[in-house]
Amino acid sequence: MFPFDAMQATAPAASGLETKFVALDQLDAGADDGQISGYASFFGQADQSGDVVERGAFAASLSRLAAANRRVKFLWQHDPATPIGVWTEVKEDAHGLRVTGDILPGVARGQDAIQLMRAGAIDGLSIGYRTLRASPNRETGGRLLTEIDLWEVSLVTFPLLPTARASLTPGRTPSFEEALAAALAEG
């Protein structure tokens, strides 16, 4: 693994907001419309800083946002000055924090993000949050995060888990390797 395969969680900023490049099983970006979906966090999996998010950790935060008629922000590389889209759905399921949204192609960085995803240069999601409740996790050396105040989910270059990669939805031109694999699968 070269040094930038993954990045560690950042220390809390003066505001107390933490960011974490986290696992995602799959991230899909529509070739033309910027629709994106995937997992921004998985329950029960240790990230490279040793933190493990417990099932239900986002529930109270998502409820508070809904009650206030507010949304989790969709940012570029955790930059609060660079929103690139809107998350249309952010929810916990059996696996983790599932997000669905739209990258806005009319926003310069949004168009950049769509192009970078098409090219395979960007393929990660990361959460920005405050830890409300956590305990030491002796097994991993990190924390067991039991309540998280979720602020944003960003499209990022370096996800924390090296296996966390994205794929584009149908509508894009498959790579030679993908076309060959599909042809072989068809027999």
Foldseek 3Di string as FASTA:
>chain_A
DPPQLADQKDQQDPVQKTKAQEFWPAWAAELPWGKIKIAQYWAPDQFPQREGEHQPQEVVLVVVCVVVVHAAFEAAAPDPVGGFWGWPDWDQDPTHTMTITGGDCVRPVSVVVSVCVLVQQWFTKMWMWHQDDWDQDPVRRHIHGRHINTRHMYGYRHHRDSVRGYDYDPPHDDDPVVVVVVVVVVD
